[in-house]
Amino acid sequence: MSEKEKNTENNQKKFDLQERLIDYAVRIIKVSEQLPDTKAGKHVSSQILRSGTSSAPNYGEAQSAESRADFIYKLKIALKELREIEVWLKIIIKAKLIQPSTKLSPLLQETDELISILFKSIDTAKKKNER
């Protein structure tokens, strides 16, 4: 594979992850709209909106990072927010704020997959930074 093909493939992967994170944020927005209009529902809604929609823009910022260290830092923020939203989704399920809770299973799976992708990206970037 030529260098140009590798760069095109890498750019496509980055674009795909950016789009995936945007789609994820949209799904979180839709979940927030399904929460009950109660004190707890409003609180959880504001929390998931904040953490669940921030990974996409943080990932976008990482793509134009000023250094590898800055890139890693911004990816870590995106990862931190994904881990937070994972906890909030589990709280929604345990508190039975959305029924049936199985409606959230695909979103939890996507959260786990995105966490794994970002964790691996950070790990890879750290290893390249050590060279």
N, C-alpha and C. Protein backbone atom coordinates (compact mmCIF):
# COMPACT_ATOMS: atom_id res chain seq x y z
N MET A 1 0.85 -1.17 0.00
CA MET A 1 0.00 0.00 0.00
C MET A 1 0.90 1.24 0.00
N SER A 2 0.59 2.17 -0.90
CA SER A 2 1.39 3.38 -0.99
C SER A 2 1.14 4.29 0.20
N GLU A 3 2.04 5.25 0.40
CA GLU A 3 1.90 6.21 1.50
C GLU A 3 0.61 7.03 1.34
N LYS A 4 0.28 7.37 0.11
CA LYS A 4 -0.94 8.15 -0.16
C LYS A 4 -2.18 7.34 0.23
N GLU A 5 -2.18 6.05 -0.11
CA GLU A 5 -3.32 5.19 0.24
C GLU A 5 -3.45 5.05 1.76
N LYS A 6 -2.31 4.93 2.45
CA LYS A 6 -2.33 4.83 3.91
C LYS A 6 -2.91 6.10 4.52
N ASN A 7 -2.48 7.26 4.03
CA ASN A 7 -2.99 8.53 4.55
C ASN A 7 -4.49 8.66 4.29
N THR A 8 -4.93 8.25 3.11
CA THR A 8 -6.37 8.30 2.80
C THR A 8 -7.14 7.38 3.73
N GLU A 9 -6.61 6.19 3.97
CA GLU A 9 -7.27 5.24 4.88
C GLU A 9 -7.32 5.78 6.30
N ASN A 10 -6.22 6.37 6.78
CA ASN A 10 -6.19 6.95 8.12
C ASN A 10 -7.17 8.11 8.25
N ASN A 11 -7.22 8.96 7.22
CA ASN A 11 -8.17 10.07 7.25
C ASN A 11 -9.60 9.57 7.25
N GLN A 12 -9.87 8.49 6.51
CA GLN A 12 -11.22 7.92 6.48
C GLN A 12 -11.60 7.38 7.85
N LYS A 13 -10.67 6.72 8.53
CA LYS A 13 -10.95 6.20 9.87
C LYS A 13 -11.25 7.34 10.83
N LYS A 14 -10.46 8.43 10.76
CA LYS A 14 -10.70 9.58 11.62
C LYS A 14 -12.07 10.17 11.35
N PHE A 15 -12.40 10.32 10.07
CA PHE A 15 -13.69 10.88 9.69
C PHE A 15 -14.80 9.97 10.19
N ASP A 16 -14.64 8.67 10.02
CA ASP A 16 -15.67 7.74 10.48
C ASP A 16 -15.87 7.83 11.98
N LEU A 17 -14.80 7.94 12.75
CA LEU A 17 -14.93 8.05 14.20
C LEU A 17 -15.58 9.38 14.57
N GLN A 18 -15.23 10.44 13.87
CA GLN A 18 -15.87 11.74 14.13
C GLN A 18 -17.38 11.63 13.88
N GLU A 19 -17.75 11.04 12.77
CA GLU A 19 -19.17 10.88 12.46
C GLU A 19 -19.87 9.97 13.47
N ARG A 20 -19.18 8.96 13.89
CA ARG A 20 -19.74 8.03 14.88
C ARG A 20 -19.97 8.75 16.21
N LEU A 21 -19.04 9.59 16.61
CA LEU A 21 -19.21 10.36 17.84
C LEU A 21 -20.33 11.39 17.72
N ILE A 22 -20.49 11.96 16.55
CA ILE A 22 -21.60 12.90 16.32
C ILE A 22 -22.92 12.16 16.40
N ASP A 23 -23.00 11.00 15.74
CA ASP A 23 -24.23 10.18 15.80
C ASP A 23 -24.53 9.79 17.24
N TYR A 24 -23.50 9.47 17.99
CA TYR A 24 -23.64 9.11 19.40
C TYR A 24 -24.24 10.27 20.18
N ALA A 25 -23.72 11.47 19.96
CA ALA A 25 -24.24 12.66 20.64
C ALA A 25 -25.72 12.88 20.33
N VAL A 26 -26.10 12.64 19.09
CA VAL A 26 -27.51 12.78 18.69
C VAL A 26 -28.36 11.75 19.44
N ARG A 27 -27.86 10.54 19.56
CA ARG A 27 -28.60 9.51 20.30
C ARG A 27 -28.77 9.90 21.77
N ILE A 28 -27.74 10.50 22.35
CA ILE A 28 -27.82 10.96 23.74
C ILE A 28 -28.87 12.06 23.87
N ILE A 29 -28.90 12.97 22.93
CA ILE A 29 -29.92 14.04 22.94
C ILE A 29 -31.31 13.42 22.94
N LYS A 30 -31.50 12.41 22.11
CA LYS A 30 -32.81 11.75 22.04
C LYS A 30 -33.17 11.05 23.35
N VAL A 31 -32.18 10.44 24.00
CA VAL A 31 -32.42 9.81 25.29
C VAL A 31 -32.81 10.87 26.31
N SER A 32 -32.12 11.99 26.30
CA SER A 32 -32.42 13.05 27.27
C SER A 32 -33.86 13.53 27.13
N GLU A 33 -34.36 13.53 25.91
CA GLU A 33 -35.74 13.97 25.66
C GLU A 33 -36.77 12.95 26.14
N GLN A 34 -36.34 11.71 26.35
CA GLN A 34 -37.25 10.66 26.82
C GLN A 34 -37.33 10.59 28.35
N LEU A 35 -36.43 11.30 29.02
CA LEU A 35 -36.43 11.25 30.48
C LEU A 35 -37.66 11.97 31.03
N PRO A 36 -38.14 11.52 32.18
CA PRO A 36 -39.36 12.13 32.74
C PRO A 36 -39.15 13.59 33.14
N ASP A 37 -40.25 14.33 33.13
CA ASP A 37 -40.21 15.74 33.51
C ASP A 37 -40.36 15.86 35.03
N THR A 38 -39.38 15.26 35.73
CA THR A 38 -39.34 15.29 37.19
C THR A 38 -38.03 15.94 37.60
N LYS A 39 -37.87 16.18 38.88
CA LYS A 39 -36.61 16.76 39.38
C LYS A 39 -35.43 15.87 38.99
N ALA A 40 -35.57 14.57 39.24
CA ALA A 40 -34.49 13.63 38.90
C ALA A 40 -34.28 13.56 37.39
N GLY A 41 -35.37 13.48 36.64
CA GLY A 41 -35.27 13.40 35.19
C GLY A 41 -34.56 14.61 34.60
N LYS A 42 -34.90 15.80 35.10
CA LYS A 42 -34.26 17.03 34.61
C LYS A 42 -32.77 17.06 34.95
N HIS A 43 -32.45 16.63 36.17
CA HIS A 43 -31.04 16.61 36.59
C HIS A 43 -30.23 15.65 35.71
N VAL A 44 -30.73 14.43 35.57
CA VAL A 44 -30.01 13.44 34.76
C VAL A 44 -29.92 13.90 33.31
N SER A 45 -30.99 14.48 32.81
CA SER A 45 -31.00 14.97 31.44
C SER A 45 -29.90 15.99 31.20
N SER A 46 -29.76 16.95 32.12
CA SER A 46 -28.72 17.96 31.93
C SER A 46 -27.32 17.35 32.01
N GLN A 47 -27.17 16.36 32.88
CA GLN A 47 -25.86 15.71 33.01
C GLN A 47 -25.50 14.91 31.76
N ILE A 48 -26.47 14.16 31.23
CA ILE A 48 -26.13 13.35 30.05
C ILE A 48 -25.96 14.22 28.81
N LEU A 49 -26.68 15.34 28.77
CA LEU A 49 -26.48 16.25 27.64
C LEU A 49 -25.06 16.81 27.65
N ARG A 50 -24.59 17.18 28.84
CA ARG A 50 -23.25 17.76 28.95
C ARG A 50 -22.18 16.73 28.59
N SER A 51 -22.21 15.59 29.27
CA SER A 51 -21.13 14.62 29.06
C SER A 51 -21.31 13.83 27.76
N GLY A 52 -22.54 13.54 27.39
CA GLY A 52 -22.79 12.70 26.22
C GLY A 52 -22.60 13.39 24.89
N THR A 53 -22.59 14.71 24.90
CA THR A 53 -22.40 15.42 23.63
C THR A 53 -21.02 16.04 23.51
N SER A 54 -20.18 15.89 24.51
CA SER A 54 -18.88 16.56 24.48
C SER A 54 -17.76 15.75 23.83
N SER A 55 -17.92 14.46 23.70
CA SER A 55 -16.83 13.66 23.12
C SER A 55 -16.57 14.01 21.66
N ALA A 56 -17.63 14.25 20.91
CA ALA A 56 -17.45 14.58 19.48
C ALA A 56 -16.65 15.88 19.30
N PRO A 57 -17.03 16.98 19.97
CA PRO A 57 -16.22 18.18 19.78
C PRO A 57 -14.80 18.06 20.36
N ASN A 58 -14.65 17.31 21.45
CA ASN A 58 -13.30 17.11 21.99
C ASN A 58 -12.44 16.30 21.03
N TYR A 59 -13.02 15.31 20.40
CA TYR A 59 -12.30 14.53 19.40
C TYR A 59 -11.93 15.43 18.22
N GLY A 60 -12.89 16.28 17.82
CA GLY A 60 -12.61 17.22 16.74
C GLY A 60 -11.44 18.15 17.06
N GLU A 61 -11.41 18.63 18.30
CA GLU A 61 -10.29 19.48 18.73
C GLU A 61 -8.98 18.71 18.71
N ALA A 62 -9.02 17.44 19.08
CA ALA A 62 -7.80 16.62 19.09
C ALA A 62 -7.21 16.51 17.68
N GLN A 63 -8.08 16.52 16.67
CA GLN A 63 -7.59 16.38 15.29
C GLN A 63 -6.75 17.57 14.85
N SER A 64 -6.93 18.70 15.52
CA SER A 64 -6.10 19.87 15.17
C SER A 64 -5.21 20.27 16.35
N ALA A 65 -4.81 19.28 17.12
CA ALA A 65 -3.96 19.53 18.29
C ALA A 65 -2.63 20.14 17.85
N GLU A 66 -2.06 20.90 18.75
CA GLU A 66 -0.80 21.59 18.45
C GLU A 66 0.42 20.70 18.65
N SER A 67 0.25 19.59 19.35
CA SER A 67 1.35 18.66 19.59
C SER A 67 0.76 17.29 19.89
N ARG A 68 1.61 16.29 19.92
CA ARG A 68 1.13 14.96 20.26
C ARG A 68 0.61 14.94 21.70
N ALA A 69 1.28 15.66 22.59
CA ALA A 69 0.83 15.72 23.99
C ALA A 69 -0.55 16.37 24.07
N ASP A 70 -0.77 17.42 23.29
CA ASP A 70 -2.07 18.10 23.25
C ASP A 70 -3.13 17.15 22.68
N PHE A 71 -2.76 16.39 21.64
CA PHE A 71 -3.66 15.40 21.04
C PHE A 71 -4.09 14.38 22.09
N ILE A 72 -3.13 13.85 22.83
CA ILE A 72 -3.40 12.85 23.87
C ILE A 72 -4.30 13.45 24.95
N TYR A 73 -4.00 14.66 25.36
CA TYR A 73 -4.79 15.33 26.40
C TYR A 73 -6.26 15.47 25.97
N LYS A 74 -6.47 15.90 24.74
CA LYS A 74 -7.84 16.11 24.26
C LYS A 74 -8.58 14.79 24.09
N LEU A 75 -7.88 13.76 23.65
CA LEU A 75 -8.50 12.44 23.57
C LEU A 75 -8.88 11.94 24.95
N LYS A 76 -8.03 12.22 25.94
CA LYS A 76 -8.32 11.80 27.32
C LYS A 76 -9.58 12.48 27.84
N ILE A 77 -9.79 13.73 27.47
CA ILE A 77 -11.02 14.42 27.88
C ILE A 77 -12.24 13.74 27.25
N ALA A 78 -12.14 13.42 25.96
CA ALA A 78 -13.25 12.74 25.28
C ALA A 78 -13.52 11.39 25.95
N LEU A 79 -12.47 10.67 26.29
CA LEU A 79 -12.61 9.37 26.96
C LEU A 79 -13.25 9.53 28.34
N LYS A 80 -12.81 10.52 29.08
CA LYS A 80 -13.37 10.79 30.42
C LYS A 80 -14.88 11.04 30.33
N GLU A 81 -15.29 11.80 29.36
CA GLU A 81 -16.71 12.11 29.20
C GLU A 81 -17.51 10.86 28.81
N LEU A 82 -16.92 10.00 27.99
CA LEU A 82 -17.60 8.75 27.64
C LEU A 82 -17.76 7.85 28.85
N ARG A 83 -16.74 7.81 29.68
CA ARG A 83 -16.85 6.99 30.90
C ARG A 83 -17.92 7.56 31.83
N GLU A 84 -18.03 8.87 31.87
CA GLU A 84 -19.06 9.49 32.71
C GLU A 84 -20.46 9.16 32.17
N ILE A 85 -20.64 9.26 30.88
CA ILE A 85 -21.97 8.98 30.32
C ILE A 85 -22.35 7.52 30.52
N GLU A 86 -21.36 6.64 30.49
CA GLU A 86 -21.63 5.23 30.75
C GLU A 86 -22.25 5.05 32.14
N VAL A 87 -21.71 5.75 33.13
CA VAL A 87 -22.25 5.68 34.49
C VAL A 87 -23.67 6.25 34.52
N TRP A 88 -23.88 7.39 33.86
CA TRP A 88 -25.21 7.99 33.84
C TRP A 88 -26.24 7.05 33.19
N LEU A 89 -25.85 6.38 32.12
CA LEU A 89 -26.78 5.45 31.46
C LEU A 89 -27.14 4.30 32.41
N LYS A 90 -26.16 3.84 33.17
CA LYS A 90 -26.44 2.77 34.14
C LYS A 90 -27.35 3.27 35.26
N ILE A 91 -27.19 4.53 35.64
CA ILE A 91 -28.08 5.11 36.65
C ILE A 91 -29.50 5.20 36.11
N ILE A 92 -29.65 5.60 34.86
CA ILE A 92 -30.97 5.68 34.23
C ILE A 92 -31.64 4.31 34.26
N ILE A 93 -30.86 3.28 33.94
CA ILE A 93 -31.39 1.91 33.93
C ILE A 93 -31.79 1.47 35.34
N LYS A 94 -30.90 1.64 36.30
CA LYS A 94 -31.20 1.19 37.67
C LYS A 94 -32.34 1.97 38.31
N ALA A 95 -32.46 3.26 37.97
CA ALA A 95 -33.54 4.08 38.52
C ALA A 95 -34.83 3.91 37.72
N LYS A 96 -34.74 3.13 36.64
CA LYS A 96 -35.91 2.87 35.78
C LYS A 96 -36.54 4.16 35.27
N LEU A 97 -35.68 5.10 34.86
CA LEU A 97 -36.16 6.37 34.34
C LEU A 97 -36.65 6.25 32.90
N ILE A 98 -36.18 5.23 32.19
CA ILE A 98 -36.66 4.92 30.84
C ILE A 98 -37.01 3.45 30.82
N GLN A 99 -38.22 3.17 30.36
CA GLN A 99 -38.71 1.79 30.31
C GLN A 99 -39.07 1.42 28.87
N PRO A 100 -38.81 0.22 28.43
CA PRO A 100 -38.00 -0.77 29.12
C PRO A 100 -36.52 -0.37 29.03
N SER A 101 -35.79 -0.76 30.02
CA SER A 101 -34.38 -0.37 30.08
C SER A 101 -33.56 -1.01 28.95
N THR A 102 -34.10 -2.05 28.34
CA THR A 102 -33.40 -2.70 27.22
C THR A 102 -33.26 -1.75 26.03
N LYS A 103 -34.07 -0.68 26.01
CA LYS A 103 -33.94 0.32 24.95
C LYS A 103 -32.55 0.96 24.98
N LEU A 104 -31.91 0.94 26.14
CA LEU A 104 -30.61 1.59 26.27
C LEU A 104 -29.44 0.63 26.02
N SER A 105 -29.72 -0.65 25.88
CA SER A 105 -28.64 -1.63 25.68
C SER A 105 -27.76 -1.33 24.47
N PRO A 106 -28.35 -1.01 23.30
CA PRO A 106 -27.48 -0.70 22.16
C PRO A 106 -26.61 0.54 22.39
N LEU A 107 -27.15 1.52 23.10
CA LEU A 107 -26.39 2.73 23.40
C LEU A 107 -25.25 2.44 24.38
N LEU A 108 -25.51 1.58 25.35
CA LEU A 108 -24.44 1.18 26.27
C LEU A 108 -23.35 0.42 25.53
N GLN A 109 -23.73 -0.42 24.59
CA GLN A 109 -22.74 -1.15 23.81
C GLN A 109 -21.90 -0.19 22.98
N GLU A 110 -22.56 0.78 22.35
CA GLU A 110 -21.82 1.78 21.57
C GLU A 110 -20.87 2.57 22.47
N THR A 111 -21.32 2.88 23.68
CA THR A 111 -20.47 3.59 24.64
C THR A 111 -19.22 2.78 24.92
N ASP A 112 -19.40 1.49 25.20
CA ASP A 112 -18.25 0.61 25.47
C ASP A 112 -17.29 0.55 24.28
N GLU A 113 -17.85 0.46 23.08
CA GLU A 113 -17.00 0.39 21.88
C GLU A 113 -16.22 1.68 21.69
N LEU A 114 -16.88 2.82 21.89
CA LEU A 114 -16.19 4.11 21.74
C LEU A 114 -15.12 4.29 22.79
N ILE A 115 -15.40 3.84 24.02
CA ILE A 115 -14.39 3.89 25.08
C ILE A 115 -13.17 3.07 24.66
N SER A 116 -13.41 1.89 24.14
CA SER A 116 -12.30 1.02 23.71
C SER A 116 -11.48 1.66 22.60
N ILE A 117 -12.17 2.26 21.64
CA ILE A 117 -11.48 2.90 20.51
C ILE A 117 -10.61 4.06 21.01
N LEU A 118 -11.18 4.91 21.85
CA LEU A 118 -10.41 6.06 22.34
C LEU A 118 -9.26 5.61 23.24
N PHE A 119 -9.51 4.61 24.08
CA PHE A 119 -8.45 4.09 24.94
C PHE A 119 -7.28 3.59 24.09
N LYS A 120 -7.59 2.84 23.05
CA LYS A 120 -6.56 2.30 22.16
C LYS A 120 -5.84 3.43 21.42
N SER A 121 -6.59 4.43 21.00
CA SER A 121 -5.98 5.57 20.30
C SER A 121 -5.00 6.31 21.21
N ILE A 122 -5.39 6.50 22.45
CA ILE A 122 -4.51 7.17 23.43
C ILE A 122 -3.26 6.33 23.65
N ASP A 123 -3.46 5.03 23.83
CA ASP A 123 -2.33 4.12 24.06
C ASP A 123 -1.36 4.16 22.88
N THR A 124 -1.90 4.11 21.67
CA THR A 124 -1.06 4.16 20.46
C THR A 124 -0.31 5.49 20.37
N ALA A 125 -1.02 6.58 20.63
CA ALA A 125 -0.37 7.91 20.57
C ALA A 125 0.73 8.04 21.61
N LYS A 126 0.50 7.47 22.80
CA LYS A 126 1.53 7.52 23.85
C LYS A 126 2.77 6.75 23.41
N LYS A 127 2.57 5.59 22.81
CA LYS A 127 3.70 4.78 22.36
C LYS A 127 4.48 5.51 21.28
N LYS A 128 3.78 6.19 20.36
CA LYS A 128 4.47 6.95 19.31
C LYS A 128 5.20 8.14 19.92
N ASN A 129 4.67 8.68 20.99
CA ASN A 129 5.28 9.84 21.66
C ASN A 129 6.58 9.44 22.35
N GLU A 130 6.68 8.18 22.76
CA GLU A 130 7.87 7.69 23.46
C GLU A 130 9.05 7.46 22.52
N ARG A 131 8.76 7.34 21.25
CA ARG A 131 9.83 7.04 20.29
C ARG A 131 10.73 8.21 20.04
